[in-house]
């Protein structure tokens, strides 16, 4: 019998967004909804600056440690000389006002900041407060959601109209000689433009083919970026999990993109982080006295990270336990390249244990004995929480003349 033909490794379907392990999320919202309180709280959870030598961190940027029990367990187990956790890069974006796409307020400045991030935390305020005026005069979160979604959509429409207009002129000049790809790109962008105008929905809600996604990823439109909706409540409302707007907001989101909704209280989180700085016990007692086991912040940070399609693997030993961030779907050589380009160029194999097996069995020897220590080749898709040791050939040094 004949050997079946060797199949090419399955490629993960392209996802909207940049295929990179260096992605950022922005905090977005109207003025005075609690963005700065949230951002300032996050900056207090910044990764130590020593982890980023020779690198100035922008004042509008926070690098927030990803809370992870697996990482903590590995650090406890190996007691390494150094440990480096994964982090989420968060940008504070100036408050958006109605008409920003026409340059109102800090309009264009603001929209270029959204261009620079890969996902958004959309902060919506649902409480009245005499000390904090609302830019639109009253609290109406549905109106606020509409204002921001419309601004981003209008900006995408404006940009696409310009691109389509130029491409149309070019195609008319070249006529039938135009390359097929160019024609396909043009048709795709026209289709996206119609989707934005007719359905009034963001690009991320469209049903695009893999080839169309590739065209969209050349453009990285504002409404193609994933959004996590953060509903800012009073501390009392958050503790009691009660607010008259929650159901209405959930219905609105489900009708638009079905994105994640996380109720939180910026004031409450700020207080927890202050207590945490005094002592972890104080923070834990305060949560407990309010009938909570955790604040919403860990969930917000983890959801931000996974919404950007990011995961990480571990390298672990007595010298160092470290999380290495990669885009979901990355193959073993790409993952090796995150550690050092030589690892990718000279890749031989990845020796992989899953965190769960390692924790359960307690040592590398035991994992090997159980037959769970795997040697994986170039086609292996790295999974979140893999513990990996890479084998590679050192590239030969250039000969001296």
Foldseek 3Di string as FASTA:
>chain_A
DDDPDDDDFDADQDAFFDQWLDAAEEEAFAPQQQLVLQQVLQQLQADPCVVPPPDDDDPQKGWHFQDDPLQVVQCVQLVAPAEAGHTHIYGYAPHDDFPLLVPPDVRPVRVVVLVRHQAYAYEAEFDDDPVTAGPVRDHDRVVRVVRVLLSLLVNLLVVLVVVLVVLVVVCVVCPPVDDPLSVVLSVLSVVLNCCCVPVVAFSCQDDDDSSSSVSSNVVSRSSNGYYAYEYAYAPVCVLVVDDPCPVVVCVVCVVHPNHHYHYAHSVLSSVLSVLVVVPPVSSCVVCVVSVHRDHCVSVVRVSSQVSSQKAWEWAHHRHYIYTQIGHQRAWPLVSLVSVPVQCNVFFDWKFKAASVLCVVQVDPVSCVVVVRGDTGDRSHGDDHRIHIDTDGDGPDDDDDD
